[in-house]
Amino acid sequence: MAPEGKEMFEIRQAQEKDCALILEFIRRLADYEKLLNEVTATEEDVRRELFTEPASAHALIAFENDKPVGFALYFYNFSTFLTRRGLYLEDIFVDPAYRGKGYGKALMKHLAQIAVDEQCGRFEWVVLEWNKPAIGFYEKIGAKLMNDWRLCRLTGEALERFAKGS
């Protein structure tokens, strides 16, 4: 599913040999989102979570002329209301030099096709409120922004403390 006129564009499932590349894309995305200081992942973490069974997540790599230009990392969640699993996009990133060529849209379409093929009831992701270009793109492809919902997170010491009953 290459963008129109992009004969040398391809998307493939990530392979174990891509761990360093995936980590590089994760860091570049975090830098773009002004969150690089929060990245603690290592190549070994990527290898363990994506390529040890059962895999916690999966990744796609996008290439132009054999050069990696983007990635998407996803996993499956579950909807009790639909009683079906869903595809959850954790991260998507296209190198700024390759944006505007339809590669992000191609990655999203590829993921949507995986969701359809896997009979998922939903394809979901979150977007930062300040990322107006992404929000506009998502609305353009038909995504509904869930303004009534807020992401909640326990992590680090707060997670440990709560788990221990404090």
C-alpha atoms as a PDB file:
ATOM      1  CA  MET A   1       0.000   0.000   0.000  1.00  0.00           C
ATOM      2  CA  ALA A   2       2.357   2.706  -1.204  1.00  0.00           C
ATOM      3  CA  PRO A   3       1.288   6.306  -1.652  1.00  0.00           C
ATOM      4  CA  GLU A   4       0.420   7.139  -5.247  1.00  0.00           C
ATOM      5  CA  GLY A   5       3.478   7.727  -7.411  1.00  0.00           C
ATOM      6  CA  LYS A   6       5.858   6.386  -4.774  1.00  0.00           C
ATOM      7  CA  GLU A   7       7.227   3.319  -6.573  1.00  0.00           C
ATOM      8  CA  MET A   8      10.181   2.970  -4.207  1.00  0.00           C
ATOM      9  CA  PHE A   9       8.142   3.099  -1.000  1.00  0.00           C
ATOM     10  CA  GLU A  10       7.391   0.050   1.130  1.00  0.00           C
ATOM     11  CA  ILE A  11       6.155  -0.879   4.577  1.00  0.00           C
ATOM     12  CA  ARG A  12       7.178  -4.099   6.294  1.00  0.00           C
ATOM     13  CA  GLN A  13       6.867  -5.696   9.709  1.00  0.00           C
ATOM     14  CA  ALA A  14       9.868  -4.936  11.856  1.00  0.00           C
ATOM     15  CA  GLN A  15      12.378  -7.716  12.365  1.00  0.00           C
ATOM     16  CA  GLU A  16      14.694  -8.412  15.271  1.00  0.00           C
ATOM     17  CA  LYS A  17      17.585  -6.900  13.314  1.00  0.00           C
ATOM     18  CA  ASP A  18      15.673  -3.561  13.458  1.00  0.00           C
ATOM     19  CA  CYS A  19      15.935  -3.065  17.236  1.00  0.00           C
ATOM     20  CA  ALA A  20      18.518  -0.245  17.032  1.00  0.00           C
ATOM     21  CA  LEU A  21      16.491   1.460  14.302  1.00  0.00           C
ATOM     22  CA  ILE A  22      13.255   1.195  16.296  1.00  0.00           C
ATOM     23  CA  LEU A  23      14.982   2.688  19.335  1.00  0.00           C
ATOM     24  CA  GLU A  24      16.336   5.513  17.160  1.00  0.00           C
ATOM     25  CA  PHE A  25      12.812   6.267  15.902  1.00  0.00           C
ATOM     26  CA  ILE A  26      11.468   6.169  19.485  1.00  0.00           C
ATOM     27  CA  ARG A  27      14.095   8.706  20.551  1.00  0.00           C
ATOM     28  CA  ARG A  28      13.446  10.951  17.555  1.00  0.00           C
ATOM     29  CA  LEU A  29       9.702  10.903  18.245  1.00  0.00           C
ATOM     30  CA  ALA A  30      10.297  11.685  21.929  1.00  0.00           C
ATOM     31  CA  ASP A  31      12.563  14.575  20.939  1.00  0.00           C
ATOM     32  CA  TYR A  32       9.840  15.941  18.615  1.00  0.00           C
ATOM     33  CA  GLU A  33       7.304  15.660  21.455  1.00  0.00           C
ATOM     34  CA  LYS A  34       9.741  17.373  23.853  1.00  0.00           C
ATOM     35  CA  LEU A  35       9.838  14.208  25.982  1.00  0.00           C
ATOM     36  CA  LEU A  36      13.311  12.821  25.216  1.00  0.00           C
ATOM     37  CA  ASN A  37      14.233  12.959  28.917  1.00  0.00           C
ATOM     38  CA  GLU A  38      11.525  10.340  29.576  1.00  0.00           C
ATOM     39  CA  VAL A  39      12.996   7.673  27.274  1.00  0.00           C
ATOM     40  CA  THR A  40      14.656   4.897  29.271  1.00  0.00           C
ATOM     41  CA  ALA A  41      14.319   2.161  26.630  1.00  0.00           C
ATOM     42  CA  THR A  42      17.335   0.196  25.458  1.00  0.00           C
ATOM     43  CA  GLU A  43      17.876  -2.020  22.434  1.00  0.00           C
ATOM     44  CA  GLU A  44      17.531  -5.034  24.717  1.00  0.00           C
ATOM     45  CA  ASP A  45      14.177  -3.718  25.977  1.00  0.00           C
ATOM     46  CA  VAL A  46      12.968  -3.382  22.384  1.00  0.00           C
ATOM     47  CA  ARG A  47      14.204  -6.896  21.566  1.00  0.00           C
ATOM     48  CA  ARG A  48      12.554  -8.432  24.635  1.00  0.00           C
ATOM     49  CA  GLU A  49       9.158  -6.745  24.192  1.00  0.00           C
ATOM     50  CA  LEU A  50       8.804  -6.972  20.402  1.00  0.00           C
ATOM     51  CA  PHE A  51      10.608 -10.172  19.520  1.00  0.00           C
ATOM     52  CA  THR A  52      10.213 -12.545  22.470  1.00  0.00           C
ATOM     53  CA  GLU A  53       7.001 -14.596  22.536  1.00  0.00           C
ATOM     54  CA  PRO A  54       4.493 -13.538  23.489  1.00  0.00           C
ATOM     55  CA  ALA A  55       5.346 -10.158  21.968  1.00  0.00           C
ATOM     56  CA  SER A  56       4.026  -7.170  23.908  1.00  0.00           C
ATOM     57  CA  ALA A  57       3.929  -5.002  20.791  1.00  0.00           C
ATOM     58  CA  HIS A  58       4.648  -4.977  17.066  1.00  0.00           C
ATOM     59  CA  ALA A  59       6.253  -2.463  14.743  1.00  0.00           C
ATOM     60  CA  LEU A  60       6.155  -1.467  11.104  1.00  0.00           C
ATOM     61  CA  ILE A  61       9.047   0.180   9.286  1.00  0.00           C
ATOM     62  CA  ALA A  62       8.515   2.451   6.267  1.00  0.00           C
ATOM     63  CA  PHE A  63      11.202   2.725   3.601  1.00  0.00           C
ATOM     64  CA  GLU A  64      11.861   5.026   0.672  1.00  0.00           C
ATOM     65  CA  ASN A  65      14.468   3.610  -1.698  1.00  0.00           C
ATOM     66  CA  ASP A  66      15.594   1.167   1.025  1.00  0.00           C
ATOM     67  CA  LYS A  67      16.153   4.055   3.484  1.00  0.00           C
ATOM     68  CA  PRO A  68      14.105   3.795   6.700  1.00  0.00           C
ATOM     69  CA  VAL A  69      11.953   6.933   6.889  1.00  0.00           C
ATOM     70  CA  GLY A  70       9.333   6.106   9.509  1.00  0.00           C
ATOM     71  CA  PHE A  71       7.819   3.611  11.885  1.00  0.00           C
ATOM     72  CA  ALA A  72       4.682   2.734  13.760  1.00  0.00           C
ATOM     73  CA  LEU A  73       4.506   0.735  16.989  1.00  0.00           C
ATOM     74  CA  TYR A  74       1.227  -0.918  17.968  1.00  0.00           C
ATOM     75  CA  PHE A  75      -0.321  -3.524  20.235  1.00  0.00           C
ATOM     76  CA  TYR A  76      -3.715  -5.075  20.850  1.00  0.00           C
ATOM     77  CA  ASN A  77      -6.100  -3.980  23.577  1.00  0.00           C
ATOM     78  CA  PHE A  78      -9.663  -5.071  24.311  1.00  0.00           C
ATOM     79  CA  SER A  79     -13.104  -3.451  24.326  1.00  0.00           C
ATOM     80  CA  THR A  80     -15.575  -4.963  26.766  1.00  0.00           C
ATOM     81  CA  PHE A  81     -18.423  -3.069  25.095  1.00  0.00           C
ATOM     82  CA  LEU A  82     -17.605  -4.612  21.702  1.00  0.00           C
ATOM     83  CA  THR A  83     -16.167  -7.829  23.162  1.00  0.00           C
ATOM     84  CA  ARG A  84     -13.432  -7.584  20.559  1.00  0.00           C
ATOM     85  CA  ARG A  85      -9.813  -6.747  20.629  1.00  0.00           C
ATOM     86  CA  GLY A  86      -8.676  -3.446  19.211  1.00  0.00           C
ATOM     87  CA  LEU A  87      -5.514  -2.225  17.581  1.00  0.00           C
ATOM     88  CA  TYR A  88      -3.837   0.519  19.587  1.00  0.00           C
ATOM     89  CA  LEU A  89      -1.233   2.714  17.897  1.00  0.00           C
ATOM     90  CA  GLU A  90       1.312   3.682  20.519  1.00  0.00           C
ATOM     91  CA  ASP A  91       3.694   5.638  18.288  1.00  0.00           C
ATOM     92  CA  ILE A  92       3.973   6.796  14.690  1.00  0.00           C
ATOM     93  CA  PHE A  93       6.837   8.860  13.315  1.00  0.00           C
ATOM     94  CA  VAL A  94       7.970   9.941   9.869  1.00  0.00           C
ATOM     95  CA  ASP A  95      11.329  11.642   9.424  1.00  0.00           C
ATOM     96  CA  PRO A  96      10.655  15.375   8.927  1.00  0.00           C
ATOM     97  CA  ALA A  97      12.584  15.336   5.623  1.00  0.00           C
ATOM     98  CA  TYR A  98      10.067  12.794   4.264  1.00  0.00           C
ATOM     99  CA  ARG A  99       6.829  14.324   5.546  1.00  0.00           C
ATOM    100  CA  GLY A 100       4.222  15.540   3.102  1.00  0.00           C
ATOM    101  CA  LYS A 101       4.732  12.551   0.794  1.00  0.00           C
ATOM    102  CA  GLY A 102       1.854  10.475   2.136  1.00  0.00           C
ATOM    103  CA  TYR A 103       4.019   8.111   4.194  1.00  0.00           C
ATOM    104  CA  GLY A 104       2.231   8.782   7.486  1.00  0.00           C
ATOM    105  CA  LYS A 105      -1.097   8.187   5.798  1.00  0.00           C
ATOM    106  CA  ALA A 106       0.250   4.988   4.234  1.00  0.00           C
ATOM    107  CA  LEU A 107       1.359   3.729   7.668  1.00  0.00           C
ATOM    108  CA  MET A 108      -2.078   4.549   9.108  1.00  0.00           C
ATOM    109  CA  LYS A 109      -3.837   2.765   6.220  1.00  0.00           C
ATOM    110  CA  HIS A 110      -1.567  -0.254   6.673  1.00  0.00           C
ATOM    111  CA  LEU A 111      -2.488  -0.367  10.374  1.00  0.00           C
ATOM    112  CA  ALA A 112      -6.176   0.052   9.556  1.00  0.00           C
ATOM    113  CA  GLN A 113      -5.926  -2.926   7.195  1.00  0.00           C
ATOM    114  CA  ILE A 114      -4.279  -5.006   9.929  1.00  0.00           C
ATOM    115  CA  ALA A 115      -7.179  -4.055  12.235  1.00  0.00           C
ATOM    116  CA  VAL A 116      -9.713  -5.081   9.578  1.00  0.00           C
ATOM    117  CA  ASP A 117      -7.863  -8.331   8.794  1.00  0.00           C
ATOM    118  CA  GLU A 118      -7.620  -9.174  12.507  1.00  0.00           C
ATOM    119  CA  GLN A 119     -11.329  -8.369  13.008  1.00  0.00           C
ATOM    120  CA  CYS A 120     -10.561  -5.648  15.528  1.00  0.00           C
ATOM    121  CA  GLY A 121     -13.482  -3.583  16.713  1.00  0.00           C
ATOM    122  CA  ARG A 122     -11.436  -0.393  17.021  1.00  0.00           C
ATOM    123  CA  PHE A 123      -8.264   1.332  15.897  1.00  0.00           C
ATOM    124  CA  GLU A 124      -7.262   3.889  18.515  1.00  0.00           C
ATOM    125  CA  TRP A 125      -4.419   6.219  19.477  1.00  0.00           C
ATOM    126  CA  VAL A 126      -3.815   9.442  21.399  1.00  0.00           C
ATOM    127  CA  VAL A 127      -2.442  12.739  20.146  1.00  0.00           C
ATOM    128  CA  LEU A 128      -0.914  15.631  22.045  1.00  0.00           C
ATOM    129  CA  GLU A 129      -3.263  18.617  22.262  1.00  0.00           C
ATOM    130  CA  TRP A 130      -0.641  20.988  20.813  1.00  0.00           C
ATOM    131  CA  ASN A 131      -0.019  18.823  17.736  1.00  0.00           C
ATOM    132  CA  LYS A 132      -2.493  20.641  15.485  1.00  0.00           C
ATOM    133  CA  PRO A 133      -1.109  19.238  12.184  1.00  0.00           C
ATOM    134  CA  ALA A 134      -1.619  15.668  13.444  1.00  0.00           C
ATOM    135  CA  ILE A 135      -5.082  16.453  14.821  1.00  0.00           C
ATOM    136  CA  GLY A 136      -6.100  17.951  11.492  1.00  0.00           C
ATOM    137  CA  PHE A 137      -4.804  14.914   9.636  1.00  0.00           C
ATOM    138  CA  TYR A 138      -6.598  12.484  11.946  1.00  0.00           C
ATOM    139  CA  GLU A 139      -9.874  14.346  11.582  1.00  0.00           C
ATOM    140  CA  LYS A 140      -9.420  14.402   7.803  1.00  0.00           C
ATOM    141  CA  ILE A 141      -9.137  10.605   7.658  1.00  0.00           C
ATOM    142  CA  GLY A 142     -12.335  10.255   9.699  1.00  0.00           C
ATOM    143  CA  ALA A 143     -11.014   9.761  13.234  1.00  0.00           C
ATOM    144  CA  LYS A 144     -13.241  10.975  16.054  1.00  0.00           C
ATOM    145  CA  LEU A 145     -11.512  12.895  18.830  1.00  0.00           C
ATOM    146  CA  MET A 146     -12.757  11.603  22.187  1.00  0.00           C
ATOM    147  CA  ASN A 147     -12.843  14.938  24.024  1.00  0.00           C
ATOM    148  CA  ASP A 148     -14.778  13.572  27.004  1.00  0.00           C
ATOM    149  CA  TRP A 149     -12.061  11.058  27.885  1.00  0.00           C
ATOM    150  CA  ARG A 150      -8.824  11.733  29.748  1.00  0.00           C
ATOM    151  CA  LEU A 151      -5.785   9.495  29.850  1.00  0.00           C
ATOM    152  CA  CYS A 152      -4.858   8.351  33.357  1.00  0.00           C
ATOM    153  CA  ARG A 153      -1.447   6.990  34.247  1.00  0.00           C
ATOM    154  CA  LEU A 154       0.329   5.486  37.251  1.00  0.00           C
ATOM    155  CA  THR A 155       4.063   5.102  36.811  1.00  0.00           C
ATOM    156  CA  GLY A 156       7.276   4.835  38.787  1.00  0.00           C
ATOM    157  CA  GLU A 157       7.043   5.482  42.503  1.00  0.00           C
ATOM    158  CA  ALA A 158       3.321   6.288  42.377  1.00  0.00           C
ATOM    159  CA  LEU A 159       2.628   2.904  40.771  1.00  0.00           C
ATOM    160  CA  GLU A 160       4.789   1.087  43.321  1.00  0.00           C
ATOM    161  CA  ARG A 161       3.218   2.953  46.225  1.00  0.00           C
ATOM    162  CA  PHE A 162      -0.343   2.251  45.073  1.00  0.00           C
ATOM    163  CA  ALA A 163       0.400  -1.418  44.369  1.00  0.00           C
ATOM    164  CA  LYS A 164       1.696  -1.818  47.922  1.00  0.00           C
ATOM    165  CA  GLY A 165      -1.477  -0.288  49.344  1.00  0.00           C
ATOM    166  CA  SER A 166      -0.215   3.150  50.365  1.00  0.00           C
END
